[in-house]
Amino acid sequence: MRWIIATLFCASLAPAQDAPSAHQAKWNGSDTAQARYRKQGTDALAKEQARSKANLCTDAEKEGNARIAQCLTDQGKETQQDYLAYIRAIGALLRLPSAAESAQSPQKMLPFDLAEESWQTHRDRSCTSMATQWEGGDQVPVAYSDCRLKLTWNHMNELADLYSDLWH
């Protein structure tokens, strides 16, 4: 008799198989968000990896350093937008709730955010420093813009290696 009562009690505690639990619904939503963030990050990274292999400003070379600098600056703006999309995707993936958490906390500042702020400062200061070797010439804007592009591309690839597990 005790065995029958214990069986009935355990059966009453088991969730119904017909309706998904709130926990399952939360994870289905998390899976959807995860897929969306992964796609955003993958698209931004792939675009910049392709751009890094292209000769972006070859047409401008015929027109002199001012035109090359303008072209590199314009290309740098596009790269910066893709970089920001990429780090936002990584940040969003890092913020997705774990099994122990009940909700996403989008405002939470992560060490990743601080690291990226520091990296952007490092990039800009490094390129400013590097460009001083051409101080007084018309090569400074070319060197600075080229440096920002290359460092950003390298950093995006570095992030891809460091956070590769987020894409599995």
C-alpha atoms as a PDB file:
ATOM      1  CA  MET A   1       0.000   0.000   0.000  1.00  0.00           C
ATOM      2  CA  ARG A   2       2.828   2.440   0.852  1.00  0.00           C
ATOM      3  CA  TRP A   3       4.373   1.718  -2.540  1.00  0.00           C
ATOM      4  CA  ILE A   4       1.145   2.683  -4.344  1.00  0.00           C
ATOM      5  CA  ILE A   5       0.797   5.912  -2.332  1.00  0.00           C
ATOM      6  CA  ALA A   6       4.429   6.821  -2.982  1.00  0.00           C
ATOM      7  CA  THR A   7       3.999   6.161  -6.706  1.00  0.00           C
ATOM      8  CA  LEU A   8       0.854   8.266  -6.891  1.00  0.00           C
ATOM      9  CA  PHE A   9       2.521  11.094  -4.950  1.00  0.00           C
ATOM     10  CA  CYS A  10       5.577  11.129  -7.233  1.00  0.00           C
ATOM     11  CA  ALA A  11       3.368  11.017 -10.310  1.00  0.00           C
ATOM     12  CA  SER A  12       1.431  14.046  -9.087  1.00  0.00           C
ATOM     13  CA  LEU A  13       4.674  16.033  -8.738  1.00  0.00           C
ATOM     14  CA  ALA A  14       5.846  15.348 -12.298  1.00  0.00           C
ATOM     15  CA  PRO A  15       5.077  18.186 -14.750  1.00  0.00           C
ATOM     16  CA  ALA A  16       2.450  17.574 -17.378  1.00  0.00           C
ATOM     17  CA  GLN A  17       3.965  16.397 -20.643  1.00  0.00           C
ATOM     18  CA  ASP A  18       1.386  18.187 -22.793  1.00  0.00           C
ATOM     19  CA  ALA A  19       2.185  21.792 -21.854  1.00  0.00           C
ATOM     20  CA  PRO A  20       5.717  23.215 -21.817  1.00  0.00           C
ATOM     21  CA  SER A  21       6.806  24.467 -18.434  1.00  0.00           C
ATOM     22  CA  ALA A  22       7.691  28.095 -17.811  1.00  0.00           C
ATOM     23  CA  HIS A  23      11.303  26.961 -17.549  1.00  0.00           C
ATOM     24  CA  GLN A  24      11.151  25.364 -21.015  1.00  0.00           C
ATOM     25  CA  ALA A  25       9.494  28.464 -22.481  1.00  0.00           C
ATOM     26  CA  LYS A  26      12.222  30.649 -20.994  1.00  0.00           C
ATOM     27  CA  TRP A  27      14.937  28.529 -22.559  1.00  0.00           C
ATOM     28  CA  ASN A  28      13.157  28.472 -25.928  1.00  0.00           C
ATOM     29  CA  GLY A  29      13.144  32.275 -25.830  1.00  0.00           C
ATOM     30  CA  SER A  30      16.776  32.277 -24.797  1.00  0.00           C
ATOM     31  CA  ASP A  31      17.616  29.979 -27.704  1.00  0.00           C
ATOM     32  CA  THR A  32      15.906  32.394 -30.104  1.00  0.00           C
ATOM     33  CA  ALA A  33      17.790  35.373 -28.676  1.00  0.00           C
ATOM     34  CA  GLN A  34      21.016  33.401 -28.738  1.00  0.00           C
ATOM     35  CA  ALA A  35      20.529  32.534 -32.415  1.00  0.00           C
ATOM     36  CA  ARG A  36      19.771  36.178 -33.256  1.00  0.00           C
ATOM     37  CA  TYR A  37      22.870  37.475 -31.432  1.00  0.00           C
ATOM     38  CA  ARG A  38      25.050  34.796 -32.988  1.00  0.00           C
ATOM     39  CA  LYS A  39      23.848  35.749 -36.459  1.00  0.00           C
ATOM     40  CA  GLN A  40      24.475  39.455 -35.834  1.00  0.00           C
ATOM     41  CA  GLY A  41      27.977  38.752 -34.582  1.00  0.00           C
ATOM     42  CA  THR A  42      28.782  36.246 -37.303  1.00  0.00           C
ATOM     43  CA  ASP A  43      27.601  38.613 -40.034  1.00  0.00           C
ATOM     44  CA  ALA A  44      29.636  41.558 -38.712  1.00  0.00           C
ATOM     45  CA  LEU A  45      32.781  39.462 -38.287  1.00  0.00           C
ATOM     46  CA  ALA A  46      32.502  37.791 -41.692  1.00  0.00           C
ATOM     47  CA  LYS A  47      31.962  41.146 -43.400  1.00  0.00           C
ATOM     48  CA  GLU A  48      35.047  42.671 -41.798  1.00  0.00           C
ATOM     49  CA  GLN A  49      37.186  39.592 -42.416  1.00  0.00           C
ATOM     50  CA  ALA A  50      36.329  39.883 -46.115  1.00  0.00           C
ATOM     51  CA  ARG A  51      36.969  43.636 -46.119  1.00  0.00           C
ATOM     52  CA  SER A  52      40.358  43.131 -44.462  1.00  0.00           C
ATOM     53  CA  LYS A  53      41.463  41.075 -47.454  1.00  0.00           C
ATOM     54  CA  ALA A  54      40.239  43.595 -50.032  1.00  0.00           C
ATOM     55  CA  ASN A  55      42.215  46.560 -51.270  1.00  0.00           C
ATOM     56  CA  LEU A  56      39.658  49.075 -50.070  1.00  0.00           C
ATOM     57  CA  CYS A  57      41.200  52.315 -51.300  1.00  0.00           C
ATOM     58  CA  THR A  58      43.145  51.373 -54.422  1.00  0.00           C
ATOM     59  CA  ASP A  59      41.178  53.838 -56.567  1.00  0.00           C
ATOM     60  CA  ALA A  60      42.074  56.667 -54.169  1.00  0.00           C
ATOM     61  CA  GLU A  61      45.809  56.041 -54.550  1.00  0.00           C
ATOM     62  CA  LYS A  62      45.837  57.865 -57.886  1.00  0.00           C
ATOM     63  CA  GLU A  63      44.474  61.016 -56.265  1.00  0.00           C
ATOM     64  CA  GLY A  64      47.062  61.496 -53.501  1.00  0.00           C
ATOM     65  CA  ASN A  65      47.305  61.249 -49.747  1.00  0.00           C
ATOM     66  CA  ALA A  66      44.327  63.486 -48.958  1.00  0.00           C
ATOM     67  CA  ARG A  67      42.012  61.253 -50.980  1.00  0.00           C
ATOM     68  CA  ILE A  68      43.544  58.072 -49.517  1.00  0.00           C
ATOM     69  CA  ALA A  69      43.077  59.446 -45.993  1.00  0.00           C
ATOM     70  CA  GLN A  70      39.446  60.311 -46.740  1.00  0.00           C
ATOM     71  CA  CYS A  71      38.817  56.847 -48.179  1.00  0.00           C
ATOM     72  CA  LEU A  72      40.430  55.132 -45.180  1.00  0.00           C
ATOM     73  CA  THR A  73      38.455  57.333 -42.796  1.00  0.00           C
ATOM     74  CA  ASP A  74      35.209  56.426 -44.562  1.00  0.00           C
ATOM     75  CA  GLN A  75      36.113  52.737 -44.534  1.00  0.00           C
ATOM     76  CA  GLY A  76      37.042  53.051 -40.868  1.00  0.00           C
ATOM     77  CA  LYS A  77      33.567  54.333 -40.028  1.00  0.00           C
ATOM     78  CA  GLU A  78      32.023  51.241 -41.606  1.00  0.00           C
ATOM     79  CA  THR A  79      34.478  48.980 -39.796  1.00  0.00           C
ATOM     80  CA  GLN A  80      33.708  50.739 -36.509  1.00  0.00           C
ATOM     81  CA  GLN A  81      29.987  50.073 -36.980  1.00  0.00           C
ATOM     82  CA  ASP A  82      30.661  46.386 -37.649  1.00  0.00           C
ATOM     83  CA  TYR A  83      33.027  46.216 -34.672  1.00  0.00           C
ATOM     84  CA  LEU A  84      30.329  47.724 -32.440  1.00  0.00           C
ATOM     85  CA  ALA A  85      27.744  45.256 -33.784  1.00  0.00           C
ATOM     86  CA  TYR A  86      30.171  42.429 -33.066  1.00  0.00           C
ATOM     87  CA  ILE A  87      30.981  43.437 -29.499  1.00  0.00           C
ATOM     88  CA  ARG A  88      27.304  44.106 -28.795  1.00  0.00           C
ATOM     89  CA  ALA A  89      26.520  40.576 -29.950  1.00  0.00           C
ATOM     90  CA  ILE A  90      29.228  39.150 -27.689  1.00  0.00           C
ATOM     91  CA  GLY A  91      28.006  41.272 -24.773  1.00  0.00           C
ATOM     92  CA  ALA A  92      24.407  40.169 -25.356  1.00  0.00           C
ATOM     93  CA  LEU A  93      25.442  36.521 -25.434  1.00  0.00           C
ATOM     94  CA  LEU A  94      27.397  36.978 -22.218  1.00  0.00           C
ATOM     95  CA  ARG A  95      24.332  38.570 -20.612  1.00  0.00           C
ATOM     96  CA  LEU A  96      21.908  35.785 -21.481  1.00  0.00           C
ATOM     97  CA  PRO A  97      20.600  34.241 -18.266  1.00  0.00           C
ATOM     98  CA  SER A  98      22.094  31.010 -17.052  1.00  0.00           C
ATOM     99  CA  ALA A  99      19.960  28.146 -15.748  1.00  0.00           C
ATOM    100  CA  ALA A 100      20.242  29.615 -12.236  1.00  0.00           C
ATOM    101  CA  GLU A 101      19.081  33.099 -13.275  1.00  0.00           C
ATOM    102  CA  SER A 102      15.487  34.026 -13.881  1.00  0.00           C
ATOM    103  CA  ALA A 103      15.868  36.942 -16.290  1.00  0.00           C
ATOM    104  CA  GLN A 104      18.289  38.709 -18.573  1.00  0.00           C
ATOM    105  CA  SER A 105      20.014  41.753 -17.106  1.00  0.00           C
ATOM    106  CA  PRO A 106      20.797  43.977 -20.100  1.00  0.00           C
ATOM    107  CA  GLN A 107      22.069  46.909 -18.042  1.00  0.00           C
ATOM    108  CA  LYS A 108      24.627  44.873 -16.110  1.00  0.00           C
ATOM    109  CA  MET A 109      28.167  46.117 -16.805  1.00  0.00           C
ATOM    110  CA  LEU A 110      30.476  43.212 -17.519  1.00  0.00           C
ATOM    111  CA  PRO A 111      34.272  43.001 -17.378  1.00  0.00           C
ATOM    112  CA  PHE A 112      34.006  42.523 -21.159  1.00  0.00           C
ATOM    113  CA  ASP A 113      32.475  46.013 -21.512  1.00  0.00           C
ATOM    114  CA  LEU A 114      35.265  47.607 -19.511  1.00  0.00           C
ATOM    115  CA  ALA A 115      37.878  45.708 -21.499  1.00  0.00           C
ATOM    116  CA  GLU A 116      36.421  46.915 -24.795  1.00  0.00           C
ATOM    117  CA  GLU A 117      36.308  50.531 -23.608  1.00  0.00           C
ATOM    118  CA  SER A 118      39.959  50.223 -22.600  1.00  0.00           C
ATOM    119  CA  TRP A 119      40.861  48.553 -25.893  1.00  0.00           C
ATOM    120  CA  GLN A 120      39.288  51.380 -27.924  1.00  0.00           C
ATOM    121  CA  THR A 121      41.309  53.924 -25.949  1.00  0.00           C
ATOM    122  CA  HIS A 122      44.437  51.817 -26.467  1.00  0.00           C
ATOM    123  CA  ARG A 123      43.778  51.581 -30.216  1.00  0.00           C
ATOM    124  CA  ASP A 124      43.281  55.306 -30.639  1.00  0.00           C
ATOM    125  CA  ARG A 125      46.315  56.249 -28.564  1.00  0.00           C
ATOM    126  CA  SER A 126      48.497  53.654 -30.279  1.00  0.00           C
ATOM    127  CA  CYS A 127      47.542  54.970 -33.706  1.00  0.00           C
ATOM    128  CA  THR A 128      48.084  58.582 -32.626  1.00  0.00           C
ATOM    129  CA  SER A 129      51.500  57.631 -31.307  1.00  0.00           C
ATOM    130  CA  MET A 130      52.422  55.690 -34.436  1.00  0.00           C
ATOM    131  CA  ALA A 131      51.337  58.535 -36.739  1.00  0.00           C
ATOM    132  CA  THR A 132      53.649  61.037 -35.009  1.00  0.00           C
ATOM    133  CA  GLN A 133      56.573  59.633 -36.969  1.00  0.00           C
ATOM    134  CA  TRP A 134      55.135  61.460 -40.001  1.00  0.00           C
ATOM    135  CA  GLU A 135      54.370  64.661 -38.106  1.00  0.00           C
ATOM    136  CA  GLY A 136      54.402  67.695 -40.332  1.00  0.00           C
ATOM    137  CA  GLY A 137      53.628  65.715 -43.463  1.00  0.00           C
ATOM    138  CA  ASP A 138      50.508  64.743 -45.321  1.00  0.00           C
ATOM    139  CA  GLN A 139      51.001  61.072 -44.423  1.00  0.00           C
ATOM    140  CA  VAL A 140      49.685  61.460 -40.834  1.00  0.00           C
ATOM    141  CA  PRO A 141      45.953  61.069 -41.628  1.00  0.00           C
ATOM    142  CA  VAL A 142      46.686  58.099 -43.901  1.00  0.00           C
ATOM    143  CA  ALA A 143      48.807  56.368 -41.281  1.00  0.00           C
ATOM    144  CA  TYR A 144      46.323  57.021 -38.466  1.00  0.00           C
ATOM    145  CA  SER A 145      43.281  55.789 -40.410  1.00  0.00           C
ATOM    146  CA  ASP A 146      45.128  52.757 -41.742  1.00  0.00           C
ATOM    147  CA  CYS A 147      46.286  51.895 -38.222  1.00  0.00           C
ATOM    148  CA  ARG A 148      42.730  52.074 -36.821  1.00  0.00           C
ATOM    149  CA  LEU A 149      41.432  49.782 -39.552  1.00  0.00           C
ATOM    150  CA  LYS A 150      44.156  47.197 -39.093  1.00  0.00           C
ATOM    151  CA  LEU A 151      44.018  47.176 -35.306  1.00  0.00           C
ATOM    152  CA  THR A 152      40.238  46.858 -35.344  1.00  0.00           C
ATOM    153  CA  TRP A 153      40.342  43.960 -37.802  1.00  0.00           C
ATOM    154  CA  ASN A 154      43.031  42.228 -35.750  1.00  0.00           C
ATOM    155  CA  HIS A 155      41.061  42.758 -32.554  1.00  0.00           C
ATOM    156  CA  MET A 156      37.860  41.369 -34.042  1.00  0.00           C
ATOM    157  CA  ASN A 157      39.777  38.230 -35.029  1.00  0.00           C
ATOM    158  CA  GLU A 158      41.266  38.067 -31.539  1.00  0.00           C
ATOM    159  CA  LEU A 159      37.777  38.312 -30.019  1.00  0.00           C
ATOM    160  CA  ALA A 160      36.576  35.566 -32.368  1.00  0.00           C
ATOM    161  CA  ASP A 161      39.260  33.297 -30.935  1.00  0.00           C
ATOM    162  CA  LEU A 162      38.678  34.306 -27.322  1.00  0.00           C
ATOM    163  CA  TYR A 163      34.893  33.958 -27.457  1.00  0.00           C
ATOM    164  CA  SER A 164      34.592  31.094 -29.927  1.00  0.00           C
ATOM    165  CA  ASP A 165      32.680  28.997 -27.376  1.00  0.00           C
ATOM    166  CA  LEU A 166      29.780  31.486 -27.534  1.00  0.00           C
ATOM    167  CA  TRP A 167      29.160  30.329 -31.097  1.00  0.00           C
ATOM    168  CA  HIS A 168      28.659  26.659 -30.258  1.00  0.00           C
END
